[in-house]
Amino acid sequence: MSGTAIVGVVLDCNVLLQAAAREGSAAAACFKLAETGHIRLYVSKATLREVEDVMNRPEVRARFRTLTDERVGAFLAGVRQVGNLVRRVPKTFTYPRDVNDEPYIHLADAAKADYLISRDKDLLHLMTGHSRECKEFRQKFRPLKIVEPQAFLKIFLQNKNSRASPVK
């Protein structure tokens, strides 16, 4: 990927949870792209705290039996090692539909990320909705795109293949 800018991404809490719990998932493939340096993963103290909290909840551990203490510890260490910590993350958008999603939007904005990868319907709605908040989001944060893991992998592959193609 020499000569091309590396795509910057924010993975939301549930995508990171799925990446840790399901090795063969699209979420895990997205995280693997960050581990191998194909994309730049951005994290903040707030998002790291949420991910750690969620992965250590008894009900989450009961649902995802693969999440042992060792696996969660190793995964979180990997996220901290691979992730680019953004220290200053100002609040730049209010989203009454789901205020818990705001830290990911703020992080994506502060990092100038290209993609916020999520399966969260409230976040995905920002890209297609017709409400004032959705329109304001798209206008204010262009060119940021919010996409599901599978859609991101497809976009990444298409872009990689188009860069590899000879110029005519």
N, C-alpha and C. Protein backbone atom coordinates (compact mmCIF):
# COMPACT_ATOMS: atom_id res chain seq x y z
N MET A 1 0.83 -1.19 0.00
CA MET A 1 0.00 0.00 0.00
C MET A 1 0.87 1.24 0.00
N SER A 2 2.03 1.15 -0.59
CA SER A 2 2.92 2.29 -0.61
C SER A 2 2.33 3.40 -1.48
N GLY A 3 2.52 4.63 -1.00
CA GLY A 3 2.06 5.78 -1.76
C GLY A 3 0.59 6.10 -1.55
N THR A 4 -0.12 5.31 -0.82
CA THR A 4 -1.54 5.60 -0.57
C THR A 4 -1.76 5.81 0.91
N ALA A 5 -2.72 6.66 1.19
CA ALA A 5 -3.04 6.95 2.59
C ALA A 5 -3.73 5.73 3.21
N ILE A 6 -3.38 5.47 4.46
CA ILE A 6 -4.03 4.38 5.17
C ILE A 6 -5.37 4.88 5.68
N VAL A 7 -6.39 4.07 5.52
CA VAL A 7 -7.73 4.41 5.95
C VAL A 7 -7.80 4.39 7.48
N GLY A 8 -8.40 5.43 8.05
CA GLY A 8 -8.57 5.52 9.49
C GLY A 8 -9.96 5.09 9.89
N VAL A 9 -10.05 4.26 10.94
CA VAL A 9 -11.34 3.74 11.37
C VAL A 9 -11.52 3.81 12.89
N VAL A 10 -12.77 3.85 13.28
CA VAL A 10 -13.18 3.67 14.67
C VAL A 10 -14.08 2.44 14.67
N LEU A 11 -13.78 1.48 15.51
CA LEU A 11 -14.63 0.31 15.69
C LEU A 11 -15.44 0.54 16.96
N ASP A 12 -16.77 0.42 16.87
CA ASP A 12 -17.56 0.65 18.08
C ASP A 12 -17.43 -0.55 19.03
N CYS A 13 -17.99 -0.40 20.20
CA CYS A 13 -17.85 -1.40 21.26
C CYS A 13 -18.32 -2.78 20.83
N ASN A 14 -19.48 -2.85 20.19
CA ASN A 14 -20.01 -4.16 19.81
C ASN A 14 -19.18 -4.83 18.72
N VAL A 15 -18.59 -4.05 17.84
CA VAL A 15 -17.72 -4.63 16.82
C VAL A 15 -16.46 -5.19 17.48
N LEU A 16 -15.90 -4.46 18.43
CA LEU A 16 -14.73 -5.00 19.14
C LEU A 16 -15.10 -6.23 19.96
N LEU A 17 -16.27 -6.23 20.57
CA LEU A 17 -16.74 -7.39 21.31
C LEU A 17 -16.85 -8.60 20.38
N GLN A 18 -17.45 -8.42 19.22
CA GLN A 18 -17.59 -9.52 18.26
C GLN A 18 -16.23 -9.98 17.76
N ALA A 19 -15.32 -9.03 17.57
CA ALA A 19 -13.97 -9.39 17.12
C ALA A 19 -13.28 -10.29 18.14
N ALA A 20 -13.47 -9.99 19.42
CA ALA A 20 -12.86 -10.79 20.48
C ALA A 20 -13.53 -12.15 20.63
N ALA A 21 -14.83 -12.19 20.47
CA ALA A 21 -15.60 -13.40 20.75
C ALA A 21 -15.70 -14.36 19.58
N ARG A 22 -15.63 -13.85 18.37
CA ARG A 22 -15.85 -14.69 17.18
C ARG A 22 -14.73 -14.49 16.17
N GLU A 23 -13.76 -15.37 16.22
CA GLU A 23 -12.57 -15.23 15.37
C GLU A 23 -12.87 -15.19 13.87
N GLY A 24 -13.89 -15.88 13.43
CA GLY A 24 -14.19 -15.93 12.00
C GLY A 24 -15.15 -14.86 11.52
N SER A 25 -15.46 -13.90 12.37
CA SER A 25 -16.47 -12.89 12.02
C SER A 25 -15.89 -11.76 11.18
N ALA A 26 -16.79 -11.01 10.55
CA ALA A 26 -16.38 -9.82 9.80
C ALA A 26 -15.75 -8.80 10.74
N ALA A 27 -16.25 -8.72 11.96
CA ALA A 27 -15.68 -7.80 12.95
C ALA A 27 -14.22 -8.18 13.24
N ALA A 28 -13.96 -9.47 13.39
CA ALA A 28 -12.59 -9.93 13.64
C ALA A 28 -11.70 -9.62 12.44
N ALA A 29 -12.23 -9.75 11.23
CA ALA A 29 -11.46 -9.43 10.03
C ALA A 29 -11.11 -7.95 9.99
N CYS A 30 -12.04 -7.09 10.42
CA CYS A 30 -11.75 -5.65 10.48
C CYS A 30 -10.63 -5.37 11.47
N PHE A 31 -10.70 -5.99 12.64
CA PHE A 31 -9.65 -5.79 13.64
C PHE A 31 -8.31 -6.32 13.13
N LYS A 32 -8.34 -7.44 12.42
CA LYS A 32 -7.12 -8.03 11.87
C LYS A 32 -6.45 -7.06 10.89
N LEU A 33 -7.25 -6.29 10.14
CA LEU A 33 -6.68 -5.29 9.23
C LEU A 33 -5.90 -4.23 10.01
N ALA A 34 -6.39 -3.89 11.20
CA ALA A 34 -5.67 -2.93 12.05
C ALA A 34 -4.39 -3.57 12.59
N GLU A 35 -4.49 -4.83 13.02
CA GLU A 35 -3.31 -5.53 13.56
C GLU A 35 -2.20 -5.65 12.53
N THR A 36 -2.58 -5.81 11.28
CA THR A 36 -1.58 -6.00 10.22
C THR A 36 -1.17 -4.69 9.57
N GLY A 37 -1.68 -3.57 10.07
CA GLY A 37 -1.27 -2.27 9.58
C GLY A 37 -1.92 -1.82 8.28
N HIS A 38 -2.97 -2.52 7.86
CA HIS A 38 -3.66 -2.14 6.63
C HIS A 38 -4.63 -0.98 6.83
N ILE A 39 -5.09 -0.81 8.06
CA ILE A 39 -5.94 0.33 8.41
C ILE A 39 -5.42 0.90 9.73
N ARG A 40 -5.79 2.14 10.02
CA ARG A 40 -5.39 2.77 11.27
C ARG A 40 -6.60 2.80 12.20
N LEU A 41 -6.48 2.15 13.35
CA LEU A 41 -7.55 2.09 14.34
C LEU A 41 -7.37 3.21 15.34
N TYR A 42 -8.44 3.97 15.60
CA TYR A 42 -8.41 5.03 16.59
C TYR A 42 -9.23 4.62 17.80
N VAL A 43 -8.70 4.94 18.99
CA VAL A 43 -9.38 4.66 20.25
C VAL A 43 -9.25 5.90 21.14
N SER A 44 -10.10 5.96 22.14
CA SER A 44 -10.02 7.03 23.14
C SER A 44 -10.13 6.37 24.51
N LYS A 45 -9.83 7.13 25.54
CA LYS A 45 -9.95 6.59 26.89
C LYS A 45 -11.39 6.16 27.16
N ALA A 46 -12.36 6.97 26.71
CA ALA A 46 -13.78 6.65 26.94
C ALA A 46 -14.18 5.37 26.22
N THR A 47 -13.75 5.19 24.98
CA THR A 47 -14.16 3.99 24.24
C THR A 47 -13.46 2.76 24.80
N LEU A 48 -12.20 2.90 25.20
CA LEU A 48 -11.49 1.76 25.81
C LEU A 48 -12.16 1.34 27.12
N ARG A 49 -12.57 2.32 27.92
CA ARG A 49 -13.26 2.01 29.19
C ARG A 49 -14.55 1.23 28.92
N GLU A 50 -15.33 1.68 27.93
CA GLU A 50 -16.58 0.99 27.64
C GLU A 50 -16.33 -0.44 27.17
N VAL A 51 -15.38 -0.62 26.28
CA VAL A 51 -15.09 -1.96 25.77
C VAL A 51 -14.67 -2.89 26.91
N GLU A 52 -13.80 -2.41 27.77
CA GLU A 52 -13.36 -3.22 28.90
C GLU A 52 -14.53 -3.55 29.82
N ASP A 53 -15.36 -2.57 30.11
CA ASP A 53 -16.53 -2.78 30.96
C ASP A 53 -17.47 -3.84 30.37
N VAL A 54 -17.79 -3.69 29.10
CA VAL A 54 -18.73 -4.61 28.45
C VAL A 54 -18.17 -6.03 28.41
N MET A 55 -16.90 -6.17 28.06
CA MET A 55 -16.31 -7.51 27.95
C MET A 55 -16.19 -8.22 29.29
N ASN A 56 -16.26 -7.48 30.37
CA ASN A 56 -16.16 -8.08 31.69
C ASN A 56 -17.50 -8.25 32.40
N ARG A 57 -18.59 -7.92 31.72
CA ARG A 57 -19.92 -8.10 32.33
C ARG A 57 -20.27 -9.59 32.36
N PRO A 58 -20.80 -10.06 33.49
CA PRO A 58 -21.16 -11.48 33.61
C PRO A 58 -22.14 -11.95 32.53
N GLU A 59 -23.12 -11.12 32.19
CA GLU A 59 -24.11 -11.53 31.17
C GLU A 59 -23.47 -11.64 29.79
N VAL A 60 -22.47 -10.82 29.50
CA VAL A 60 -21.75 -10.91 28.23
C VAL A 60 -20.88 -12.15 28.21
N ARG A 61 -20.21 -12.41 29.31
CA ARG A 61 -19.37 -13.61 29.41
C ARG A 61 -20.22 -14.88 29.29
N ALA A 62 -21.43 -14.84 29.84
CA ALA A 62 -22.32 -16.01 29.75
C ALA A 62 -22.77 -16.24 28.31
N ARG A 63 -22.97 -15.15 27.57
CA ARG A 63 -23.43 -15.26 26.19
C ARG A 63 -22.29 -15.68 25.26
N PHE A 64 -21.09 -15.18 25.54
CA PHE A 64 -19.92 -15.49 24.71
C PHE A 64 -18.93 -16.28 25.55
N ARG A 65 -19.06 -17.59 25.53
CA ARG A 65 -18.24 -18.47 26.37
C ARG A 65 -16.75 -18.41 26.01
N THR A 66 -16.44 -17.95 24.79
CA THR A 66 -15.03 -17.86 24.38
C THR A 66 -14.30 -16.73 25.11
N LEU A 67 -15.05 -15.82 25.74
CA LEU A 67 -14.44 -14.68 26.42
C LEU A 67 -13.98 -15.05 27.83
N THR A 68 -12.85 -15.68 27.88
CA THR A 68 -12.23 -16.01 29.17
C THR A 68 -11.46 -14.79 29.65
N ASP A 69 -11.06 -14.80 30.91
CA ASP A 69 -10.24 -13.70 31.44
C ASP A 69 -8.97 -13.51 30.60
N GLU A 70 -8.35 -14.62 30.23
CA GLU A 70 -7.11 -14.57 29.45
C GLU A 70 -7.37 -13.96 28.07
N ARG A 71 -8.41 -14.42 27.42
CA ARG A 71 -8.70 -13.92 26.07
C ARG A 71 -9.06 -12.44 26.09
N VAL A 72 -9.90 -12.04 27.04
CA VAL A 72 -10.28 -10.63 27.15
C VAL A 72 -9.05 -9.78 27.45
N GLY A 73 -8.22 -10.22 28.38
CA GLY A 73 -7.01 -9.48 28.71
C GLY A 73 -6.09 -9.32 27.52
N ALA A 74 -5.88 -10.41 26.79
CA ALA A 74 -5.01 -10.37 25.61
C ALA A 74 -5.61 -9.49 24.52
N PHE A 75 -6.91 -9.60 24.32
CA PHE A 75 -7.56 -8.79 23.28
C PHE A 75 -7.47 -7.31 23.61
N LEU A 76 -7.78 -6.95 24.85
CA LEU A 76 -7.71 -5.54 25.26
C LEU A 76 -6.29 -5.01 25.15
N ALA A 77 -5.31 -5.82 25.51
CA ALA A 77 -3.91 -5.41 25.35
C ALA A 77 -3.60 -5.17 23.87
N GLY A 78 -4.13 -6.02 23.01
CA GLY A 78 -3.94 -5.85 21.57
C GLY A 78 -4.58 -4.58 21.04
N VAL A 79 -5.77 -4.27 21.54
CA VAL A 79 -6.45 -3.05 21.11
C VAL A 79 -5.63 -1.83 21.54
N ARG A 80 -5.12 -1.86 22.76
CA ARG A 80 -4.30 -0.74 23.25
C ARG A 80 -3.00 -0.61 22.46
N GLN A 81 -2.43 -1.74 22.07
CA GLN A 81 -1.17 -1.72 21.33
C GLN A 81 -1.38 -1.25 19.89
N VAL A 82 -2.42 -1.75 19.25
CA VAL A 82 -2.68 -1.45 17.85
C VAL A 82 -3.36 -0.09 17.68
N GLY A 83 -4.23 0.24 18.62
CA GLY A 83 -5.01 1.46 18.49
C GLY A 83 -4.18 2.72 18.68
N ASN A 84 -4.52 3.74 17.93
CA ASN A 84 -3.91 5.05 18.06
C ASN A 84 -4.77 5.84 19.04
N LEU A 85 -4.22 6.11 20.21
CA LEU A 85 -4.98 6.79 21.26
C LEU A 85 -5.11 8.27 20.93
N VAL A 86 -6.35 8.72 20.84
CA VAL A 86 -6.64 10.14 20.63
C VAL A 86 -6.96 10.71 22.00
N ARG A 87 -6.10 11.58 22.47
CA ARG A 87 -6.23 12.09 23.85
C ARG A 87 -7.27 13.21 23.98
N ARG A 88 -7.32 14.08 23.03
CA ARG A 88 -8.31 15.17 23.08
C ARG A 88 -9.48 14.82 22.17
N VAL A 89 -10.62 14.55 22.80
CA VAL A 89 -11.82 14.18 22.05
C VAL A 89 -12.96 15.10 22.49
N PRO A 90 -13.04 16.28 21.88
CA PRO A 90 -14.10 17.20 22.29
C PRO A 90 -15.48 16.73 21.83
N LYS A 91 -16.48 17.16 22.55
CA LYS A 91 -17.87 16.85 22.19
C LYS A 91 -18.27 17.77 21.04
N THR A 92 -18.59 17.17 19.91
CA THR A 92 -18.87 17.97 18.71
C THR A 92 -20.26 17.69 18.12
N PHE A 93 -21.00 16.77 18.72
CA PHE A 93 -22.30 16.40 18.16
C PHE A 93 -23.18 15.86 19.27
N THR A 94 -24.41 16.29 19.29
CA THR A 94 -25.38 15.79 20.26
C THR A 94 -26.34 14.87 19.51
N TYR A 95 -26.51 13.66 20.04
CA TYR A 95 -27.38 12.68 19.38
C TYR A 95 -28.38 12.13 20.38
N PRO A 96 -29.50 12.84 20.55
CA PRO A 96 -30.50 12.43 21.55
C PRO A 96 -31.05 11.02 21.33
N ARG A 97 -31.04 10.54 20.10
CA ARG A 97 -31.57 9.20 19.82
C ARG A 97 -30.82 8.14 20.61
N ASP A 98 -29.49 8.32 20.79
CA ASP A 98 -28.70 7.40 21.60
C ASP A 98 -27.41 8.10 22.04
N VAL A 99 -27.46 8.74 23.20
CA VAL A 99 -26.30 9.49 23.70
C VAL A 99 -25.09 8.58 23.96
N ASN A 100 -25.33 7.29 24.16
CA ASN A 100 -24.21 6.35 24.37
C ASN A 100 -23.35 6.18 23.11
N ASP A 101 -23.89 6.56 21.96
CA ASP A 101 -23.12 6.47 20.72
C ASP A 101 -22.23 7.69 20.50
N GLU A 102 -22.49 8.76 21.23
CA GLU A 102 -21.75 10.00 21.01
C GLU A 102 -20.24 9.87 21.14
N PRO A 103 -19.70 9.12 22.14
CA PRO A 103 -18.23 9.03 22.23
C PRO A 103 -17.57 8.50 20.95
N TYR A 104 -18.25 7.64 20.22
CA TYR A 104 -17.69 7.09 18.98
C TYR A 104 -17.72 8.13 17.87
N ILE A 105 -18.79 8.91 17.83
CA ILE A 105 -18.88 9.99 16.85
C ILE A 105 -17.81 11.04 17.15
N HIS A 106 -17.68 11.42 18.42
CA HIS A 106 -16.68 12.41 18.81
C HIS A 106 -15.27 11.92 18.47
N LEU A 107 -15.00 10.65 18.75
CA LEU A 107 -13.69 10.08 18.45
C LEU A 107 -13.42 10.10 16.95
N ALA A 108 -14.38 9.66 16.17
CA ALA A 108 -14.21 9.64 14.71
C ALA A 108 -13.92 11.04 14.19
N ASP A 109 -14.61 12.03 14.75
CA ASP A 109 -14.40 13.41 14.34
C ASP A 109 -13.01 13.89 14.76
N ALA A 110 -12.64 13.69 16.01
CA ALA A 110 -11.34 14.15 16.51
C ALA A 110 -10.19 13.51 15.74
N ALA A 111 -10.34 12.26 15.37
CA ALA A 111 -9.29 11.52 14.65
C ALA A 111 -9.33 11.78 13.15
N LYS A 112 -10.40 12.40 12.68
CA LYS A 112 -10.63 12.58 11.23
C LYS A 112 -10.63 11.21 10.55
N ALA A 113 -11.31 10.26 11.20
CA ALA A 113 -11.42 8.90 10.66
C ALA A 113 -12.25 8.91 9.38
N ASP A 114 -11.98 7.94 8.54
CA ASP A 114 -12.74 7.78 7.30
C ASP A 114 -14.02 6.99 7.53
N TYR A 115 -13.95 6.03 8.48
CA TYR A 115 -15.09 5.15 8.74
C TYR A 115 -15.30 4.94 10.23
N LEU A 116 -16.56 4.86 10.59
CA LEU A 116 -16.96 4.37 11.91
C LEU A 116 -17.66 3.05 11.61
N ILE A 117 -17.13 1.96 12.11
CA ILE A 117 -17.65 0.64 11.79
C ILE A 117 -18.51 0.16 12.95
N SER A 118 -19.77 -0.15 12.61
CA SER A 118 -20.76 -0.46 13.65
C SER A 118 -21.89 -1.29 13.06
N ARG A 119 -22.55 -2.02 13.94
CA ARG A 119 -23.81 -2.68 13.58
C ARG A 119 -24.98 -2.00 14.29
N ASP A 120 -24.68 -0.96 15.05
CA ASP A 120 -25.67 -0.24 15.84
C ASP A 120 -26.64 0.51 14.91
N LYS A 121 -27.91 0.17 15.01
CA LYS A 121 -28.92 0.76 14.12
C LYS A 121 -29.01 2.27 14.28
N ASP A 122 -28.81 2.77 15.51
CA ASP A 122 -28.87 4.21 15.71
C ASP A 122 -27.73 4.93 14.99
N LEU A 123 -26.54 4.36 15.05
CA LEU A 123 -25.41 4.96 14.34
C LEU A 123 -25.59 4.84 12.83
N LEU A 124 -25.97 3.67 12.36
CA LEU A 124 -26.17 3.47 10.92
C LEU A 124 -27.26 4.39 10.38
N HIS A 125 -28.25 4.69 11.21
CA HIS A 125 -29.35 5.57 10.81
C HIS A 125 -28.85 6.97 10.42
N LEU A 126 -27.76 7.39 11.03
CA LEU A 126 -27.22 8.72 10.71
C LEU A 126 -26.87 8.86 9.24
N MET A 127 -26.56 7.77 8.58
CA MET A 127 -26.17 7.82 7.17
C MET A 127 -27.36 7.85 6.22
N THR A 128 -28.52 7.40 6.70
CA THR A 128 -29.67 7.28 5.80
C THR A 128 -30.91 8.04 6.26
N GLY A 129 -30.94 8.43 7.52
CA GLY A 129 -32.13 9.06 8.09
C GLY A 129 -32.40 10.45 7.53
N HIS A 130 -33.62 10.91 7.73
CA HIS A 130 -34.06 12.20 7.21
C HIS A 130 -34.30 13.23 8.31
N SER A 131 -34.00 12.86 9.55
CA SER A 131 -34.21 13.79 10.66
C SER A 131 -33.19 14.93 10.60
N ARG A 132 -33.45 15.96 11.36
CA ARG A 132 -32.53 17.10 11.44
C ARG A 132 -31.14 16.64 11.88
N GLU A 133 -31.09 15.75 12.91
CA GLU A 133 -29.79 15.25 13.40
C GLU A 133 -29.02 14.50 12.32
N CYS A 134 -29.73 13.69 11.56
CA CYS A 134 -29.06 12.90 10.52
C CYS A 134 -28.49 13.80 9.43
N LYS A 135 -29.29 14.76 9.00
CA LYS A 135 -28.82 15.68 7.96
C LYS A 135 -27.66 16.52 8.47
N GLU A 136 -27.75 16.98 9.71
CA GLU A 136 -26.66 17.76 10.32
C GLU A 136 -25.40 16.92 10.42
N PHE A 137 -25.54 15.67 10.82
CA PHE A 137 -24.40 14.77 10.92
C PHE A 137 -23.69 14.63 9.58
N ARG A 138 -24.46 14.30 8.54
CA ARG A 138 -23.85 14.07 7.22
C ARG A 138 -23.17 15.34 6.70
N GLN A 139 -23.76 16.47 6.95
CA GLN A 139 -23.17 17.72 6.49
C GLN A 139 -21.91 18.06 7.29
N LYS A 140 -21.98 17.93 8.58
CA LYS A 140 -20.89 18.32 9.47
C LYS A 140 -19.68 17.38 9.39
N PHE A 141 -19.94 16.09 9.24
CA PHE A 141 -18.86 15.11 9.34
C PHE A 141 -18.46 14.49 8.02
N ARG A 142 -18.89 15.03 6.92
CA ARG A 142 -18.47 14.53 5.61
C ARG A 142 -16.95 14.60 5.55
N PRO A 143 -16.23 13.62 5.12
CA PRO A 143 -16.62 12.42 4.38
C PRO A 143 -16.75 11.16 5.25
N LEU A 144 -16.84 11.29 6.59
CA LEU A 144 -17.00 10.13 7.46
C LEU A 144 -18.20 9.28 7.03
N LYS A 145 -17.98 7.98 6.97
CA LYS A 145 -19.05 7.04 6.64
C LYS A 145 -19.21 6.06 7.80
N ILE A 146 -20.45 5.75 8.11
CA ILE A 146 -20.75 4.73 9.12
C ILE A 146 -21.25 3.50 8.37
N VAL A 147 -20.55 2.38 8.53
CA VAL A 147 -20.88 1.17 7.79
C VAL A 147 -20.74 -0.05 8.70
N GLU A 148 -21.42 -1.11 8.31
CA GLU A 148 -21.30 -2.38 9.02
C GLU A 148 -19.97 -3.05 8.65
N PRO A 149 -19.48 -3.95 9.51
CA PRO A 149 -18.19 -4.60 9.23
C PRO A 149 -18.10 -5.25 7.85
N GLN A 150 -19.13 -5.99 7.47
CA GLN A 150 -19.11 -6.67 6.17
C GLN A 150 -19.02 -5.67 5.02
N ALA A 151 -19.75 -4.56 5.13
CA ALA A 151 -19.71 -3.53 4.09
C ALA A 151 -18.32 -2.90 4.03
N PHE A 152 -17.70 -2.66 5.19
CA PHE A 152 -16.36 -2.08 5.20
C PHE A 152 -15.37 -3.03 4.52
N LEU A 153 -15.45 -4.31 4.82
CA LEU A 153 -14.53 -5.27 4.21
C LEU A 153 -14.68 -5.26 2.69
N LYS A 154 -15.88 -5.16 2.21
CA LYS A 154 -16.14 -5.11 0.77
C LYS A 154 -15.52 -3.85 0.16
N ILE A 155 -15.73 -2.70 0.82
CA ILE A 155 -15.15 -1.44 0.35
C ILE A 155 -13.63 -1.51 0.36
N PHE A 156 -13.08 -2.03 1.45
CA PHE A 156 -11.63 -2.14 1.57
C PHE A 156 -11.05 -2.99 0.45
N LEU A 157 -11.67 -4.13 0.19
CA LEU A 157 -11.20 -5.03 -0.86
C LEU A 157 -11.29 -4.38 -2.23
N GLN A 158 -12.40 -3.70 -2.50
CA GLN A 158 -12.56 -3.01 -3.79
C GLN A 158 -11.49 -1.95 -3.97
N ASN A 159 -11.23 -1.16 -2.92
CA ASN A 159 -10.21 -0.12 -3.01
C ASN A 159 -8.83 -0.71 -3.18
N LYS A 160 -8.56 -1.80 -2.47
CA LYS A 160 -7.26 -2.46 -2.58
C LYS A 160 -7.05 -2.99 -4.00
N ASN A 161 -8.10 -3.61 -4.54
CA ASN A 161 -8.01 -4.17 -5.89
C ASN A 161 -7.88 -3.07 -6.94
N SER A 162 -8.57 -1.95 -6.75
CA SER A 162 -8.49 -0.87 -7.74
C SER A 162 -7.11 -0.22 -7.71
N ARG A 163 -6.45 -0.15 -6.54
CA ARG A 163 -5.10 0.40 -6.45
C ARG A 163 -4.08 -0.55 -7.08
N ALA A 164 -4.38 -1.85 -7.02
CA ALA A 164 -3.45 -2.84 -7.56
C ALA A 164 -3.56 -2.95 -9.07
N SER A 165 -4.67 -2.46 -9.63
CA SER A 165 -4.88 -2.55 -11.07
C SER A 165 -3.97 -1.56 -11.79
N PRO A 166 -3.42 -1.97 -12.93
CA PRO A 166 -2.59 -1.04 -13.69
C PRO A 166 -3.44 0.13 -14.23
N VAL A 167 -2.84 1.29 -14.28
CA VAL A 167 -3.53 2.48 -14.80
C VAL A 167 -3.48 2.41 -16.30
N LYS A 168 -4.64 2.68 -16.91
CA LYS A 168 -4.72 2.62 -18.38
C LYS A 168 -4.59 4.00 -18.97
